[in-house]
Amino acid sequence: MPPALTRPDGSPVRVLVVDDEANIAELLQMALRFEGWDVSTAATGRSAVQAVRDSRPDAIVLDMMLPDFDGLEVLRRIRAFAPEVPVVFLTARDAVEDRVQGLTAGGDDYVTKPFSLEEVVARLRGLLRRSGALEHRESHVLMVGDLTLDEDSHDVFRGADEIALTATEFELLRYLMRNPKRVLSKAQILDRVWNYDFGGQANVVELYISYLRKKVDVGREPMIHTKRGAGYVLKPAS
């Protein structure tokens, strides 16, 4: 699991997810909880405003289209008593005027559906770091066994040996290291690393796994393993 971003008192970051599509809210909740965050959800604008009043989240993921009133109205009401909380809008619309409207209304970022869960997490991490809500001593280095990856500098080491990776290899290894000992399917990897489904070209995952193995595992006890019919898993060398 990646190092959890925390609040200055050491407690988990609090995130509110507002979306009336239950499957999307559940997926986001699972992904954000994996980051070590305390995640709550709301399905309407009214319940979202009340949730912000009650729990004072550190960040909000806000769907633009809700059953009672839209995300812009939710934001307007929230900003009246919580002017600093970072807000990431989710919307199925990608017109420039909608994007501008959301940001000029006080939103901090904007993600268009369909989106990658990894993208939403990354946007939130960036906003949370800039907001001052986080523990300043938090680390951006992932560690699994003797493998380390620095998310800021992109330096990767296996023991004392530096490993040079391409941008895609880095993103794939980062995803594996954020999910140690967890079997990840090809579909999950495609969604998180490439952001869309390759359809019949899912062998791109096999190709890049082979690239990583040549750089991370060759000459050493292997860390990247294939679970036949299920996917791939990275775990510390025994």
Protein backbone atom coordinates (compact mmCIF):
# COMPACT_ATOMS: atom_id res chain seq x y z
CA MET A 1 0.00 0.00 0.00
CA PRO A 2 1.31 3.50 -0.80
CA PRO A 3 2.23 5.74 2.13
CA ALA A 4 -0.97 7.38 3.30
CA LEU A 5 -1.28 11.13 3.12
CA THR A 6 -2.42 12.33 6.55
CA ARG A 7 -3.70 15.45 8.22
CA PRO A 8 -1.29 17.39 10.49
CA ASP A 9 -2.62 15.57 13.57
CA GLY A 10 -1.85 12.20 11.93
CA SER A 11 -5.48 11.30 11.27
CA PRO A 12 -6.57 10.09 7.80
CA VAL A 13 -7.44 12.59 5.10
CA ARG A 14 -11.23 12.93 4.79
CA VAL A 15 -12.74 12.89 1.30
CA LEU A 16 -16.41 13.25 0.34
CA VAL A 17 -17.56 11.62 -2.93
CA VAL A 18 -20.79 13.07 -4.35
CA ASP A 19 -22.35 11.06 -7.19
CA ASP A 20 -25.84 9.65 -7.65
CA GLU A 21 -24.52 6.71 -9.72
CA ALA A 22 -23.98 4.09 -7.03
CA ASN A 23 -21.45 2.05 -9.02
CA ILE A 24 -19.23 5.08 -9.66
CA ALA A 25 -19.44 6.22 -6.04
CA GLU A 26 -18.54 2.73 -4.84
CA LEU A 27 -15.54 2.42 -7.19
CA LEU A 28 -14.23 5.82 -6.12
CA GLN A 29 -14.78 4.99 -2.47
CA MET A 30 -12.80 1.77 -2.79
CA ALA A 31 -9.94 3.43 -4.69
CA LEU A 32 -9.65 6.32 -2.24
CA ARG A 33 -9.87 4.08 0.83
CA PHE A 34 -6.97 2.10 -0.61
CA GLU A 35 -4.97 5.33 -0.33
CA GLY A 36 -5.60 5.19 3.42
CA TRP A 37 -8.21 7.96 3.35
CA ASP A 38 -11.48 8.24 5.28
CA VAL A 39 -14.13 8.34 2.52
CA SER A 40 -17.83 9.13 2.79
CA THR A 41 -20.43 9.43 0.02
CA ALA A 42 -23.53 11.45 -0.82
CA ALA A 43 -26.01 10.94 -3.66
CA THR A 44 -27.79 14.31 -3.71
CA GLY A 45 -26.84 17.95 -3.52
CA ARG A 46 -28.67 18.49 -0.23
CA SER A 47 -27.04 15.51 1.46
CA ALA A 48 -23.66 16.65 0.14
CA VAL A 49 -24.00 20.12 1.67
CA GLN A 50 -25.07 18.59 4.98
CA ALA A 51 -22.18 16.12 4.89
CA VAL A 52 -19.70 18.95 4.42
CA ARG A 53 -21.22 20.80 7.36
CA ASP A 54 -21.06 17.69 9.55
CA SER A 55 -17.68 16.19 8.66
CA ARG A 56 -15.65 19.07 7.17
CA PRO A 57 -13.83 16.95 4.55
CA ASP A 58 -10.35 17.85 3.30
CA ALA A 59 -11.42 17.39 -0.35
CA ILE A 60 -14.57 16.74 -2.37
CA VAL A 61 -15.17 14.79 -5.58
CA LEU A 62 -18.35 16.35 -6.96
CA ASP A 63 -20.48 15.13 -9.86
CA MET A 64 -21.84 17.99 -11.94
CA MET A 65 -25.25 16.34 -12.54
CA LEU A 66 -27.26 15.41 -9.43
CA PRO A 67 -30.97 14.58 -9.01
CA ASP A 68 -31.97 17.67 -7.00
CA PHE A 69 -29.62 20.50 -8.00
CA ASP A 70 -26.39 20.58 -9.95
CA GLY A 71 -22.81 20.57 -8.77
CA LEU A 72 -22.41 24.30 -9.32
CA GLU A 73 -25.18 25.00 -6.83
CA VAL A 74 -23.68 22.50 -4.39
CA LEU A 75 -20.35 24.28 -4.69
CA ARG A 76 -21.95 27.70 -4.21
CA ARG A 77 -23.59 26.56 -0.97
CA ILE A 78 -20.45 24.83 0.30
CA ARG A 79 -18.24 27.82 -0.45
CA ALA A 80 -20.44 29.94 1.84
CA PHE A 81 -19.07 28.13 4.91
CA ALA A 82 -16.08 26.09 3.61
CA PRO A 83 -14.31 28.40 1.15
CA GLU A 84 -10.95 26.58 1.09
CA VAL A 85 -11.89 22.92 0.61
CA PRO A 86 -10.52 21.58 -2.73
CA VAL A 87 -13.19 20.35 -5.17
CA VAL A 88 -12.73 18.09 -8.21
CA PHE A 89 -15.72 18.11 -10.57
CA LEU A 90 -16.84 14.94 -12.37
CA THR A 91 -18.93 15.36 -15.48
CA ALA A 92 -20.00 13.49 -18.58
CA ARG A 93 -19.84 16.75 -20.49
CA ASP A 94 -16.55 17.91 -22.01
CA ALA A 95 -17.56 21.15 -23.69
CA VAL A 96 -15.12 23.99 -23.06
CA GLU A 97 -17.86 26.25 -21.67
CA ASP A 98 -18.82 23.63 -19.06
CA ARG A 99 -15.21 23.24 -18.00
CA VAL A 100 -14.75 27.00 -17.71
CA GLN A 101 -18.05 27.39 -15.84
CA GLY A 102 -17.03 24.78 -13.27
CA LEU A 103 -13.60 26.23 -12.66
CA THR A 104 -14.71 29.87 -12.55
CA ALA A 105 -17.42 28.90 -10.05
CA GLY A 106 -14.66 27.89 -7.64
CA GLY A 107 -13.86 24.31 -8.56
CA ASP A 108 -10.20 23.36 -8.37
CA ASP A 109 -10.04 20.66 -11.03
CA TYR A 110 -12.21 18.89 -13.59
CA VAL A 111 -12.30 15.23 -14.73
CA THR A 112 -14.50 14.11 -17.62
CA LYS A 113 -16.32 10.77 -17.59
CA PRO A 114 -15.32 8.11 -18.42
CA PHE A 115 -12.26 8.60 -16.26
CA SER A 116 -9.41 6.55 -14.86
CA LEU A 117 -9.59 5.97 -11.11
CA GLU A 118 -5.84 6.50 -10.99
CA GLU A 119 -6.31 9.93 -12.58
CA VAL A 120 -8.85 11.00 -9.94
CA VAL A 121 -6.55 9.79 -7.15
CA ALA A 122 -3.60 11.66 -8.66
CA ARG A 123 -5.60 14.88 -9.04
CA LEU A 124 -6.76 14.65 -5.43
CA ARG A 125 -3.28 13.96 -4.11
CA GLY A 126 -2.00 17.04 -5.93
CA LEU A 127 -4.80 19.26 -4.64
CA LEU A 128 -4.42 17.97 -1.09
CA ARG A 129 -0.69 18.64 -1.08
CA ARG A 130 -1.27 22.21 -2.26
CA SER A 131 -4.15 22.85 0.14
CA GLY A 132 -2.01 22.65 3.28
CA ALA A 133 -4.33 20.01 4.78
CA LEU A 134 -1.60 17.39 4.81
CA GLU A 135 1.19 16.31 7.07
CA HIS A 136 4.25 18.00 5.57
CA ARG A 137 6.51 15.09 6.45
CA GLU A 138 4.63 12.55 4.31
CA SER A 139 6.77 10.46 2.01
CA HIS A 140 6.37 9.98 -1.73
CA VAL A 141 8.56 6.87 -1.81
CA LEU A 142 6.95 3.48 -2.35
CA MET A 143 8.78 0.47 -0.91
CA VAL A 144 8.14 -3.24 -1.49
CA GLY A 145 10.91 -5.48 -0.19
CA ASP A 146 14.21 -4.15 -1.54
CA LEU A 147 12.44 -2.30 -4.38
CA THR A 148 11.93 1.46 -3.97
CA LEU A 149 10.23 3.99 -6.24
CA ASP A 150 10.26 7.76 -5.70
CA GLU A 151 7.05 9.23 -7.13
CA ASP A 152 8.53 12.74 -7.29
CA SER A 153 12.01 12.15 -8.76
CA HIS A 154 11.03 8.93 -10.62
CA ASP A 155 14.15 7.22 -9.25
CA VAL A 156 13.79 3.44 -8.96
CA PHE A 157 16.19 1.13 -7.11
CA ARG A 158 16.35 -2.61 -6.47
CA GLY A 159 18.64 -2.74 -3.47
CA ALA A 160 21.59 -0.48 -4.36
CA ASP A 161 21.09 -0.87 -8.12
CA GLU A 162 19.36 1.96 -9.97
CA ILE A 163 16.80 0.87 -12.57
CA ALA A 164 16.12 3.05 -15.63
CA LEU A 165 12.48 2.88 -16.79
CA THR A 166 10.47 4.43 -19.60
CA ALA A 167 7.45 6.55 -18.62
CA THR A 168 5.02 3.68 -19.24
CA GLU A 169 7.19 1.15 -17.41
CA PHE A 170 7.33 3.56 -14.47
CA GLU A 171 3.55 3.93 -14.34
CA LEU A 172 3.07 0.16 -14.54
CA LEU A 173 5.57 -0.48 -11.76
CA ARG A 174 4.03 2.26 -9.64
CA TYR A 175 0.61 0.65 -9.98
CA LEU A 176 2.02 -2.76 -9.03
CA MET A 177 3.85 -1.26 -6.04
CA ARG A 178 0.74 0.56 -4.86
CA ASN A 179 -0.98 -2.83 -4.73
CA PRO A 180 1.63 -5.23 -3.26
CA LYS A 181 0.56 -8.86 -2.86
CA ARG A 182 -2.67 -8.09 -4.74
CA VAL A 183 -3.43 -9.90 -8.00
CA LEU A 184 -4.22 -7.33 -10.70
CA SER A 185 -6.04 -8.40 -13.85
CA LYS A 186 -5.05 -7.25 -17.34
CA ALA A 187 -8.27 -5.21 -17.49
CA GLN A 188 -7.42 -3.40 -14.24
CA ILE A 189 -3.90 -2.66 -15.44
CA LEU A 190 -5.15 -1.37 -18.80
CA ASP A 191 -7.62 0.94 -17.09
CA ARG A 192 -5.14 2.34 -14.56
CA VAL A 193 -1.98 2.58 -16.68
CA TRP A 194 -3.29 3.16 -20.21
CA ASN A 195 -6.62 4.76 -19.20
CA TYR A 196 -8.68 2.84 -21.74
CA ASP A 197 -9.46 -0.69 -22.92
CA PHE A 198 -7.21 -2.05 -25.67
CA GLY A 199 -9.85 -4.68 -26.56
CA GLY A 200 -8.08 -7.48 -28.43
CA GLN A 201 -4.69 -5.88 -27.81
CA ALA A 202 -4.53 -6.77 -24.12
CA ASN A 203 -1.20 -8.47 -24.84
CA VAL A 204 0.33 -4.99 -24.44
CA VAL A 205 0.20 -5.74 -20.70
CA GLU A 206 2.13 -8.98 -21.18
CA LEU A 207 4.67 -7.09 -23.26
CA TYR A 208 5.30 -4.41 -20.64
CA ILE A 209 5.34 -6.94 -17.80
CA SER A 210 8.13 -8.72 -19.70
CA TYR A 211 10.00 -5.41 -20.05
CA LEU A 212 9.72 -4.81 -16.31
CA ARG A 213 10.86 -8.32 -15.45
CA LYS A 214 14.01 -7.85 -17.52
CA LYS A 215 14.85 -4.72 -15.55
CA VAL A 216 13.58 -5.57 -12.06
CA ASP A 217 13.94 -9.35 -11.76
CA VAL A 218 16.75 -10.55 -14.06
CA GLY A 219 19.67 -11.85 -11.99
CA ARG A 220 17.67 -11.49 -8.78
CA GLU A 221 14.95 -13.37 -6.93
CA PRO A 222 11.77 -12.49 -8.86
CA MET A 223 9.18 -10.11 -7.46
CA ILE A 224 6.73 -9.99 -10.39
CA HIS A 225 4.63 -13.15 -10.65
CA THR A 226 1.97 -14.39 -13.08
CA LYS A 227 -1.21 -15.91 -11.67
CA ARG A 228 -2.48 -17.93 -14.59
CA GLY A 229 -5.97 -16.87 -15.65
CA ALA A 230 -6.05 -14.08 -13.05
CA GLY A 231 -3.31 -11.53 -13.69
CA TYR A 232 -0.08 -10.35 -12.11
CA VAL A 233 1.14 -9.73 -8.59
CA LEU A 234 4.22 -8.00 -7.16
CA LYS A 235 5.47 -9.14 -3.78
CA PRO A 236 8.73 -8.98 -1.82
CA ALA A 237 11.33 -11.58 -2.62
CA SER A 238 11.27 -14.23 0.11
